C-alpha atoms as a PDB file:
ATOM      1  CA  UNK A   1      48.893-129.991-193.032  1.00  0.00           C
ATOM      2  CA  UNK A   2      51.443-130.636-195.759  1.00  0.00           C
ATOM      3  CA  UNK A   3      53.922-132.812-193.871  1.00  0.00           C
ATOM      4  CA  UNK A   4      53.929-135.302-190.993  1.00  0.00           C
ATOM      5  CA  UNK A   5      51.068-137.092-192.738  1.00  0.00           C
ATOM      6  CA  UNK A   6      52.240-140.630-192.032  1.00  0.00           C
ATOM      7  CA  UNK A   7      52.652-140.000-188.315  1.00  0.00           C
ATOM      8  CA  UNK A   8      49.164-138.573-188.009  1.00  0.00           C
ATOM      9  CA  UNK A   9      47.598-141.353-190.058  1.00  0.00           C
ATOM     10  CA  UNK A  10      49.323-144.020-187.965  1.00  0.00           C
ATOM     11  CA  UNK A  11      48.267-142.350-184.718  1.00  0.00           C
ATOM     12  CA  UNK A  12      44.624-141.755-185.638  1.00  0.00           C
ATOM     13  CA  UNK A  13      44.047-144.911-187.703  1.00  0.00           C
ATOM     14  CA  UNK A  14      42.288-146.953-184.961  1.00  0.00           C
ATOM     15  CA  UNK A  15      39.647-144.243-184.475  1.00  0.00           C
ATOM     16  CA  UNK A  16      38.726-143.803-188.134  1.00  0.00           C
ATOM     17  CA  UNK A  17      35.529-145.197-189.710  1.00  0.00           C
ATOM     18  CA  UNK A  18      36.127-148.532-191.412  1.00  0.00           C
ATOM     19  CA  UNK A  19      36.141-147.193-194.985  1.00  0.00           C
ATOM     20  CA  UNK A  20      38.659-144.461-194.144  1.00  0.00           C
ATOM     21  CA  UNK A  21      40.708-146.880-192.066  1.00  0.00           C
ATOM     22  CA  UNK A  22      41.199-149.168-195.069  1.00  0.00           C
ATOM     23  CA  UNK A  23      42.544-146.229-197.073  1.00  0.00           C
ATOM     24  CA  UNK A  24      44.935-145.387-194.239  1.00  0.00           C
ATOM     25  CA  UNK A  25      46.130-148.987-193.987  1.00  0.00           C
ATOM     26  CA  UNK A  26      46.972-149.074-197.698  1.00  0.00           C
ATOM     27  CA  UNK A  27      48.901-145.811-197.421  1.00  0.00           C
ATOM     28  CA  UNK A  28      50.846-146.936-194.366  1.00  0.00           C
ATOM     29  CA  UNK A  29      51.539-150.323-195.948  1.00  0.00           C
ATOM     30  CA  UNK A  30      53.509-148.707-198.794  1.00  0.00           C
ATOM     31  CA  UNK A  31      53.636-144.901-198.616  1.00  0.00           C
ATOM     32  CA  UNK A  32      55.944-144.596-201.626  1.00  0.00           C
ATOM     33  CA  UNK A  33      53.584-146.622-203.795  1.00  0.00           C
ATOM     34  CA  UNK A  34      50.628-144.544-202.582  1.00  0.00           C
ATOM     35  CA  UNK A  35      52.488-141.406-203.604  1.00  0.00           C
ATOM     36  CA  UNK A  36      52.840-142.813-207.137  1.00  0.00           C
ATOM     37  CA  UNK A  37      49.272-144.127-207.418  1.00  0.00           C
ATOM     38  CA  UNK A  38      46.274-142.471-208.990  1.00  0.00           C
ATOM     39  CA  UNK A  39      43.243-141.920-206.793  1.00  0.00           C
ATOM     40  CA  UNK A  40      41.438-144.713-208.648  1.00  0.00           C
ATOM     41  CA  UNK A  41      44.267-147.194-208.101  1.00  0.00           C
ATOM     42  CA  UNK A  42      44.505-146.375-204.401  1.00  0.00           C
ATOM     43  CA  UNK A  43      40.735-146.684-203.989  1.00  0.00           C
ATOM     44  CA  UNK A  44      40.769-150.107-205.655  1.00  0.00           C
ATOM     45  CA  UNK A  45      43.531-151.398-203.378  1.00  0.00           C
ATOM     46  CA  UNK A  46      41.590-150.160-200.350  1.00  0.00           C
ATOM     47  CA  UNK A  47      38.330-151.681-201.562  1.00  0.00           C
ATOM     48  CA  UNK A  48      36.718-148.243-201.525  1.00  0.00           C
ATOM     49  CA  UNK A  49      35.852-145.422-203.911  1.00  0.00           C
ATOM     50  CA  UNK A  50      37.638-142.252-205.080  1.00  0.00           C
ATOM     51  CA  UNK A  51      35.084-140.264-203.051  1.00  0.00           C
ATOM     52  CA  UNK A  52      36.160-142.132-199.909  1.00  0.00           C
ATOM     53  CA  UNK A  53      39.821-141.363-200.640  1.00  0.00           C
ATOM     54  CA  UNK A  54      38.925-137.693-201.017  1.00  0.00           C
ATOM     55  CA  UNK A  55      37.079-137.798-197.681  1.00  0.00           C
ATOM     56  CA  UNK A  56      40.164-139.370-196.130  1.00  0.00           C
ATOM     57  CA  UNK A  57      42.351-136.550-197.488  1.00  0.00           C
ATOM     58  CA  UNK A  58      40.070-133.848-196.131  1.00  0.00           C
ATOM     59  CA  UNK A  59      39.870-135.567-192.740  1.00  0.00           C
ATOM     60  CA  UNK A  60      43.613-134.982-192.436  1.00  0.00           C
ATOM     61  CA  UNK A  61      43.568-131.390-193.624  1.00  0.00           C
ATOM     62  CA  UNK A  62      44.380-131.834-197.313  1.00  0.00           C
ATOM     63  CA  UNK A  63      42.391-130.110-200.036  1.00  0.00           C
ATOM     64  CA  UNK A  64      42.411-133.303-202.102  1.00  0.00           C
ATOM     65  CA  UNK A  65      44.378-136.333-203.230  1.00  0.00           C
ATOM     66  CA  UNK A  66      46.912-134.339-205.250  1.00  0.00           C
ATOM     67  CA  UNK A  67      48.046-132.499-202.124  1.00  0.00           C
ATOM     68  CA  UNK A  68      48.261-135.757-200.164  1.00  0.00           C
ATOM     69  CA  UNK A  69      50.415-137.361-202.896  1.00  0.00           C
ATOM     70  CA  UNK A  70      52.857-134.444-202.760  1.00  0.00           C
ATOM     71  CA  UNK A  71      53.105-134.730-198.958  1.00  0.00           C
ATOM     72  CA  UNK A  72      53.672-138.497-199.132  1.00  0.00           C
ATOM     73  CA  UNK A  73      56.315-138.169-201.840  1.00  0.00           C
ATOM     74  CA  UNK A  74      58.127-135.496-199.855  1.00  0.00           C
ATOM     75  CA  UNK A  75      57.999-137.433-196.618  1.00  0.00           C
ATOM     76  CA  UNK A  76      59.027-140.815-198.021  1.00  0.00           C
ATOM     77  CA  UNK A  77      61.856-139.220-199.980  1.00  0.00           C
ATOM     78  CA  UNK A  78      63.126-137.434-196.888  1.00  0.00           C
ATOM     79  CA  UNK A  79      62.897-140.616-194.812  1.00  0.00           C
ATOM     80  CA  UNK A  80      64.797-142.650-197.406  1.00  0.00           C
ATOM     81  CA  UNK A  81      67.538-140.042-197.646  1.00  0.00           C
ATOM     82  CA  UNK A  82      67.953-139.897-193.868  1.00  0.00           C
ATOM     83  CA  UNK A  83      67.681-143.661-193.397  1.00  0.00           C
ATOM     84  CA  UNK A  84      64.820-143.355-190.926  1.00  0.00           C
ATOM     85  CA  UNK A  85      63.230-146.599-192.043  1.00  0.00           C
ATOM     86  CA  UNK A  86      65.857-148.812-190.456  1.00  0.00           C
ATOM     87  CA  UNK A  87      64.416-150.320-187.328  1.00  0.00           C
ATOM     88  CA  UNK A  88      61.106-148.464-187.452  1.00  0.00           C
ATOM     89  CA  UNK A  89      58.220-150.824-186.750  1.00  0.00           C
ATOM     90  CA  UNK A  90      60.459-153.701-185.674  1.00  0.00           C
ATOM     91  CA  UNK A  91      59.607-155.564-182.485  1.00  0.00           C
ATOM     92  CA  UNK A  92      62.207-156.085-179.792  1.00  0.00           C
ATOM     93  CA  UNK A  93      62.427-159.719-178.736  1.00  0.00           C
ATOM     94  CA  UNK A  94      63.721-161.086-175.423  1.00  0.00           C
ATOM     95  CA  UNK A  95      66.782-162.594-177.120  1.00  0.00           C
ATOM     96  CA  UNK A  96      67.694-159.604-179.304  1.00  0.00           C
ATOM     97  CA  UNK A  97      71.178-158.161-178.709  1.00  0.00           C
ATOM     98  CA  UNK A  98      71.116-154.899-176.779  1.00  0.00           C
ATOM     99  CA  UNK A  99      72.708-152.984-179.665  1.00  0.00           C
ATOM    100  CA  UNK A 100      69.887-154.120-181.984  1.00  0.00           C
ATOM    101  CA  UNK A 101      67.246-153.078-179.430  1.00  0.00           C
ATOM    102  CA  UNK A 102      68.863-149.661-179.070  1.00  0.00           C
ATOM    103  CA  UNK A 103      68.942-149.280-182.865  1.00  0.00           C
ATOM    104  CA  UNK A 104      65.193-149.929-183.019  1.00  0.00           C
ATOM    105  CA  UNK A 105      64.580-147.418-180.215  1.00  0.00           C
ATOM    106  CA  UNK A 106      66.766-144.766-181.826  1.00  0.00           C
ATOM    107  CA  UNK A 107      65.082-145.174-185.208  1.00  0.00           C
ATOM    108  CA  UNK A 108      61.602-145.002-183.696  1.00  0.00           C
ATOM    109  CA  UNK A 109      62.383-141.950-181.555  1.00  0.00           C
ATOM    110  CA  UNK A 110      64.104-140.130-184.425  1.00  0.00           C
ATOM    111  CA  UNK A 111      61.102-140.684-186.663  1.00  0.00           C
ATOM    112  CA  UNK A 112      58.755-139.733-183.811  1.00  0.00           C
ATOM    113  CA  UNK A 113      60.370-136.328-183.304  1.00  0.00           C
ATOM    114  CA  UNK A 114      60.524-135.678-187.048  1.00  0.00           C
ATOM    115  CA  UNK A 115      56.828-136.559-187.424  1.00  0.00           C
ATOM    116  CA  UNK A 116      55.915-134.307-184.512  1.00  0.00           C
ATOM    117  CA  UNK A 117      57.932-131.393-185.868  1.00  0.00           C
ATOM    118  CA  UNK A 118      56.451-131.833-189.332  1.00  0.00           C
ATOM    119  CA  UNK A 119      52.847-131.723-188.144  1.00  0.00           C
ATOM    120  CA  UNK A 120      53.345-129.025-185.507  1.00  0.00           C
ATOM    121  CA  UNK A 121      51.264-125.921-186.169  1.00  0.00           C
ATOM    122  CA  UNK A 122      53.730-123.066-185.744  1.00  0.00           C
ATOM    123  CA  UNK A 123      50.956-120.482-185.603  1.00  0.00           C
ATOM    124  CA  UNK A 124      49.373-122.403-182.718  1.00  0.00           C
ATOM    125  CA  UNK A 125      52.710-122.623-180.893  1.00  0.00           C
ATOM    126  CA  UNK A 126      53.096-118.856-181.280  1.00  0.00           C
ATOM    127  CA  UNK A 127      49.572-118.172-179.992  1.00  0.00           C
ATOM    128  CA  UNK A 128      50.080-120.449-176.982  1.00  0.00           C
ATOM    129  CA  UNK A 129      53.398-118.751-176.174  1.00  0.00           C
ATOM    130  CA  UNK A 130      51.858-115.279-176.431  1.00  0.00           C
ATOM    131  CA  UNK A 131      49.012-116.314-174.140  1.00  0.00           C
ATOM    132  CA  UNK A 132      51.460-117.734-171.575  1.00  0.00           C
ATOM    133  CA  UNK A 133      53.580-114.576-171.570  1.00  0.00           C
ATOM    134  CA  UNK A 134      50.507-112.429-170.920  1.00  0.00           C
ATOM    135  CA  UNK A 135      48.927-114.807-168.371  1.00  0.00           C
ATOM    136  CA  UNK A 136      48.830-114.056-164.632  1.00  0.00           C
ATOM    137  CA  UNK A 137      48.625-117.829-164.017  1.00  0.00           C
ATOM    138  CA  UNK A 138      49.430-120.935-166.053  1.00  0.00           C
ATOM    139  CA  UNK A 139      47.951-124.288-164.993  1.00  0.00           C
ATOM    140  CA  UNK A 140      49.327-127.556-166.403  1.00  0.00           C
ATOM    141  CA  UNK A 141      47.240-130.695-165.956  1.00  0.00           C
ATOM    142  CA  UNK A 142      48.232-134.287-166.704  1.00  0.00           C
ATOM    143  CA  UNK A 143      48.103-137.650-164.958  1.00  0.00           C
ATOM    144  CA  UNK A 144      50.574-140.534-164.903  1.00  0.00           C
ATOM    145  CA  UNK A 145      53.328-140.039-167.521  1.00  0.00           C
ATOM    146  CA  UNK A 146      51.610-136.921-168.879  1.00  0.00           C
ATOM    147  CA  UNK A 147      51.711-135.527-165.344  1.00  0.00           C
ATOM    148  CA  UNK A 148      55.485-135.932-165.313  1.00  0.00           C
ATOM    149  CA  UNK A 149      55.653-133.996-168.581  1.00  0.00           C
ATOM    150  CA  UNK A 150      53.492-131.246-167.068  1.00  0.00           C
ATOM    151  CA  UNK A 151      55.837-130.996-164.080  1.00  0.00           C
ATOM    152  CA  UNK A 152      58.845-130.590-166.356  1.00  0.00           C
ATOM    153  CA  UNK A 153      57.265-127.660-168.207  1.00  0.00           C
ATOM    154  CA  UNK A 154      56.249-126.115-164.881  1.00  0.00           C
ATOM    155  CA  UNK A 155      59.875-126.168-163.752  1.00  0.00           C
ATOM    156  CA  UNK A 156      61.110-124.576-166.966  1.00  0.00           C
ATOM    157  CA  UNK A 157      58.511-121.823-166.924  1.00  0.00           C
ATOM    158  CA  UNK A 158      59.120-120.964-163.283  1.00  0.00           C
ATOM    159  CA  UNK A 159      62.863-120.873-163.919  1.00  0.00           C
ATOM    160  CA  UNK A 160      62.295-117.922-166.259  1.00  0.00           C
ATOM    161  CA  UNK A 161      59.760-116.156-164.068  1.00  0.00           C
ATOM    162  CA  UNK A 162      56.489-117.446-165.552  1.00  0.00           C
ATOM    163  CA  UNK A 163      53.931-118.245-162.797  1.00  0.00           C
ATOM    164  CA  UNK A 164      53.092-121.854-163.649  1.00  0.00           C
ATOM    165  CA  UNK A 165      51.677-124.738-161.584  1.00  0.00           C
ATOM    166  CA  UNK A 166      51.181-128.393-162.454  1.00  0.00           C
ATOM    167  CA  UNK A 167      48.487-130.594-160.957  1.00  0.00           C
ATOM    168  CA  UNK A 168      48.279-134.376-161.273  1.00  0.00           C
ATOM    169  CA  UNK A 169      45.677-134.929-158.554  1.00  0.00           C
ATOM    170  CA  UNK A 170      42.087-134.577-159.814  1.00  0.00           C
ATOM    171  CA  UNK A 171      40.845-132.587-156.820  1.00  0.00           C
ATOM    172  CA  UNK A 172      43.826-130.241-156.839  1.00  0.00           C
ATOM    173  CA  UNK A 173      43.485-129.728-160.594  1.00  0.00           C
ATOM    174  CA  UNK A 174      39.784-128.896-160.320  1.00  0.00           C
ATOM    175  CA  UNK A 175      40.373-126.552-157.378  1.00  0.00           C
ATOM    176  CA  UNK A 176      43.115-124.699-159.250  1.00  0.00           C
ATOM    177  CA  UNK A 177      40.979-124.562-162.397  1.00  0.00           C
ATOM    178  CA  UNK A 178      38.044-123.104-160.462  1.00  0.00           C
ATOM    179  CA  UNK A 179      40.214-120.129-159.435  1.00  0.00           C
ATOM    180  CA  UNK A 180      41.299-119.256-162.966  1.00  0.00           C
ATOM    181  CA  UNK A 181      40.157-116.065-164.667  1.00  0.00           C
ATOM    182  CA  UNK A 182      40.120-114.453-168.076  1.00  0.00           C
ATOM    183  CA  UNK A 183      43.695-114.107-169.268  1.00  0.00           C
ATOM    184  CA  UNK A 184      44.939-117.201-167.456  1.00  0.00           C
ATOM    185  CA  UNK A 185      46.058-120.283-169.423  1.00  0.00           C
ATOM    186  CA  UNK A 186      45.218-123.927-168.717  1.00  0.00           C
ATOM    187  CA  UNK A 187      47.110-126.660-170.581  1.00  0.00           C
ATOM    188  CA  UNK A 188      45.807-130.230-170.545  1.00  0.00           C
ATOM    189  CA  UNK A 189      48.126-133.065-171.578  1.00  0.00           C
ATOM    190  CA  UNK A 190      46.726-136.462-172.581  1.00  0.00           C
ATOM    191  CA  UNK A 191      48.011-138.865-175.227  1.00  0.00           C
ATOM    192  CA  UNK A 192      44.605-140.135-176.358  1.00  0.00           C
ATOM    193  CA  UNK A 193      42.746-137.021-175.245  1.00  0.00           C
ATOM    194  CA  UNK A 194      40.258-139.067-173.218  1.00  0.00           C
ATOM    195  CA  UNK A 195      41.570-138.759-169.656  1.00  0.00           C
ATOM    196  CA  UNK A 196      38.562-137.670-167.623  1.00  0.00           C
ATOM    197  CA  UNK A 197      40.528-135.786-164.944  1.00  0.00           C
ATOM    198  CA  UNK A 198      42.316-133.674-167.548  1.00  0.00           C
ATOM    199  CA  UNK A 199      39.140-132.991-169.509  1.00  0.00           C
ATOM    200  CA  UNK A 200      37.209-131.914-166.410  1.00  0.00           C
ATOM    201  CA  UNK A 201      39.967-129.555-165.266  1.00  0.00           C
ATOM    202  CA  UNK A 202      40.292-127.972-168.698  1.00  0.00           C
ATOM    203  CA  UNK A 203      36.520-127.525-168.981  1.00  0.00           C
ATOM    204  CA  UNK A 204      36.397-125.951-165.499  1.00  0.00           C
ATOM    205  CA  UNK A 205      39.188-123.520-166.356  1.00  0.00           C
ATOM    206  CA  UNK A 206      37.526-122.624-169.641  1.00  0.00           C
ATOM    207  CA  UNK A 207      34.216-121.922-167.909  1.00  0.00           C
ATOM    208  CA  UNK A 208      35.951-119.166-165.941  1.00  0.00           C
ATOM    209  CA  UNK A 209      37.401-117.505-169.033  1.00  0.00           C
ATOM    210  CA  UNK A 210      40.864-119.074-169.155  1.00  0.00           C
ATOM    211  CA  UNK A 211      42.455-119.857-172.510  1.00  0.00           C
ATOM    212  CA  UNK A 212      42.536-123.645-172.794  1.00  0.00           C
ATOM    213  CA  UNK A 213      45.183-125.670-174.632  1.00  0.00           C
ATOM    214  CA  UNK A 214      45.138-129.397-175.422  1.00  0.00           C
ATOM    215  CA  UNK A 215      48.311-131.400-176.042  1.00  0.00           C
ATOM    216  CA  UNK A 216      47.270-134.744-177.527  1.00  0.00           C
ATOM    217  CA  UNK A 217      48.053-137.234-180.279  1.00  0.00           C
ATOM    218  CA  UNK A 218      44.415-137.256-181.413  1.00  0.00           C
ATOM    219  CA  UNK A 219      43.236-134.044-183.046  1.00  0.00           C
ATOM    220  CA  UNK A 220      39.599-135.158-182.964  1.00  0.00           C
ATOM    221  CA  UNK A 221      39.597-136.364-179.341  1.00  0.00           C
ATOM    222  CA  UNK A 222      37.176-135.076-176.671  1.00  0.00           C
ATOM    223  CA  UNK A 223      40.002-133.094-175.047  1.00  0.00           C
ATOM    224  CA  UNK A 224      40.839-131.397-178.338  1.00  0.00           C
ATOM    225  CA  UNK A 225      37.203-130.571-178.970  1.00  0.00           C
ATOM    226  CA  UNK A 226      36.808-128.605-175.733  1.00  0.00           C
ATOM    227  CA  UNK A 227      40.122-126.695-176.007  1.00  0.00           C
ATOM    228  CA  UNK A 228      40.611-123.278-177.592  1.00  0.00           C
ATOM    229  CA  UNK A 229      43.988-124.303-179.046  1.00  0.00           C
ATOM    230  CA  UNK A 230      45.293-127.777-179.931  1.00  0.00           C
ATOM    231  CA  UNK A 231      48.899-128.963-180.228  1.00  0.00           C
ATOM    232  CA  UNK A 232      49.172-132.453-181.710  1.00  0.00           C
ATOM    233  CA  UNK A 233      51.901-134.960-180.943  1.00  0.00           C
ATOM    234  CA  UNK A 234      52.989-138.002-182.925  1.00  0.00           C
ATOM    235  CA  UNK A 235      53.092-141.427-181.296  1.00  0.00           C
ATOM    236  CA  UNK A 236      55.163-144.400-182.427  1.00  0.00           C
ATOM    237  CA  UNK A 237      54.799-147.489-180.263  1.00  0.00           C
ATOM    238  CA  UNK A 238      57.658-149.931-179.790  1.00  0.00           C
ATOM    239  CA  UNK A 239      57.937-153.062-177.671  1.00  0.00           C
ATOM    240  CA  UNK A 240      57.175-152.255-174.019  1.00  0.00           C
ATOM    241  CA  UNK A 241      56.632-148.565-174.812  1.00  0.00           C
ATOM    242  CA  UNK A 242      52.947-148.405-175.606  1.00  0.00           C
ATOM    243  CA  UNK A 243      50.238-145.744-175.504  1.00  0.00           C
ATOM    244  CA  UNK A 244      51.164-142.777-173.342  1.00  0.00           C
ATOM    245  CA  UNK A 245      54.727-144.021-172.838  1.00  0.00           C
ATOM    246  CA  UNK A 246      55.249-143.889-176.601  1.00  0.00           C
ATOM    247  CA  UNK A 247      54.108-140.259-176.710  1.00  0.00           C
ATOM    248  CA  UNK A 248      56.300-138.873-173.914  1.00  0.00           C
ATOM    249  CA  UNK A 249      59.153-137.741-176.163  1.00  0.00           C
ATOM    250  CA  UNK A 250      56.822-135.999-178.594  1.00  0.00           C
ATOM    251  CA  UNK A 251      54.939-134.321-175.721  1.00  0.00           C
ATOM    252  CA  UNK A 252      58.235-133.047-174.339  1.00  0.00           C
ATOM    253  CA  UNK A 253      59.243-131.823-177.802  1.00  0.00           C
ATOM    254  CA  UNK A 254      55.992-129.899-178.343  1.00  0.00           C
ATOM    255  CA  UNK A 255      56.097-128.279-174.918  1.00  0.00           C
ATOM    256  CA  UNK A 256      59.793-127.508-175.348  1.00  0.00           C
ATOM    257  CA  UNK A 257      58.861-125.661-178.556  1.00  0.00           C
ATOM    258  CA  UNK A 258      56.334-123.645-176.546  1.00  0.00           C
ATOM    259  CA  UNK A 259      58.955-122.954-173.878  1.00  0.00           C
ATOM    260  CA  UNK A 260      61.500-121.758-176.454  1.00  0.00           C
ATOM    261  CA  UNK A 261      58.875-119.497-178.044  1.00  0.00           C
ATOM    262  CA  UNK A 262      58.083-118.038-174.607  1.00  0.00           C
ATOM    263  CA  UNK A 263      61.796-117.471-173.943  1.00  0.00           C
ATOM    264  CA  UNK A 264      62.143-115.675-177.274  1.00  0.00           C
ATOM    265  CA  UNK A 265      59.257-113.356-176.422  1.00  0.00           C
ATOM    266  CA  UNK A 266      60.784-112.590-173.022  1.00  0.00           C
ATOM    267  CA  UNK A 267      64.410-112.589-174.124  1.00  0.00           C
ATOM    268  CA  UNK A 268      65.809-109.948-171.738  1.00  0.00           C
ATOM    269  CA  UNK A 269      63.776-111.166-168.761  1.00  0.00           C
ATOM    270  CA  UNK A 270      64.711-114.783-169.455  1.00  0.00           C
ATOM    271  CA  UNK A 271      68.437-114.049-169.604  1.00  0.00           C
ATOM    272  CA  UNK A 272      68.242-112.086-166.364  1.00  0.00           C
ATOM    273  CA  UNK A 273      66.313-114.915-164.710  1.00  0.00           C
ATOM    274  CA  UNK A 274      68.929-117.470-165.762  1.00  0.00           C
ATOM    275  CA  UNK A 275      71.760-115.319-164.414  1.00  0.00           C
ATOM    276  CA  UNK A 276      70.037-114.809-161.069  1.00  0.00           C
ATOM    277  CA  UNK A 277      69.047-118.462-160.594  1.00  0.00           C
ATOM    278  CA  UNK A 278      72.475-119.764-161.596  1.00  0.00           C
ATOM    279  CA  UNK A 279      74.072-117.381-159.124  1.00  0.00           C
ATOM    280  CA  UNK A 280      71.657-118.423-156.381  1.00  0.00           C
ATOM    281  CA  UNK A 281      72.610-122.129-156.539  1.00  0.00           C
ATOM    282  CA  UNK A 282      76.282-121.715-157.395  1.00  0.00           C
ATOM    283  CA  UNK A 283      77.399-122.244-153.803  1.00  0.00           C
ATOM    284  CA  UNK A 284      75.791-125.700-153.805  1.00  0.00           C
ATOM    285  CA  UNK A 285      78.023-127.002-156.590  1.00  0.00           C
ATOM    286  CA  UNK A 286      81.182-128.919-155.716  1.00  0.00           C
ATOM    287  CA  UNK A 287      84.346-127.492-157.243  1.00  0.00           C
ATOM    288  CA  UNK A 288      86.305-129.637-159.683  1.00  0.00           C
ATOM    289  CA  UNK A 289      88.925-131.776-158.022  1.00  0.00           C
ATOM    290  CA  UNK A 290      87.084-132.022-154.714  1.00  0.00           C
END
């Protein structure tokens, strides 16, 4: 991982050991300063050691501190140039003007999508898309807001002729997972990667030979650990949009990337499917002027 570092650190910070968490807090407190600091200076500010900073770097996929500094410098420079910092991290109060609240939301969501895109493993997206194209069945599992995201991808896949089903009920999800076979694909969606219903369904599908995919903000979560392939999402909480609600846009973005990759692999079939489905519903549209 050479970009999207800040988003991943912010998302995974609460689950880190204390020593690594202090390093992460220093970096998030002033990323630009961290990019300019030596490993010794950063360790001193975090009340830790250079060895702990190195462990922190490797925990996030960097070979060492030099690579992390380059990623931080690149990311903070890009953010400053684009003006992403405005509004990010600000709380929305009950008396704030609506235009100010919308500015905070827009800044947070813009940064969220950029963080997600930066940390997205393109090779993993490609492998997931290839598996979906070849799969006789695709099962999408999520509950609550993640279930709504699963339903949206189901609709897109079916629109282009991919046999996909979403399941938000635990019993339905387990029943569908139990019928999966080698070559099928099961995708579990969970912000924290700790939703029991999603984990059980993915494990059941995997036990029958299906390729399992986790979509989560936490790369070291239980859901990620039991999946064959992992797609990570960024999460940026704002007032009244916490936890899973904060991850919805990034989940949609990641799964949209998968959908686009599938459409590219099935270009002719996808275009034909769009033409046929548009024609099928055309008579249900009201003409202009009526």
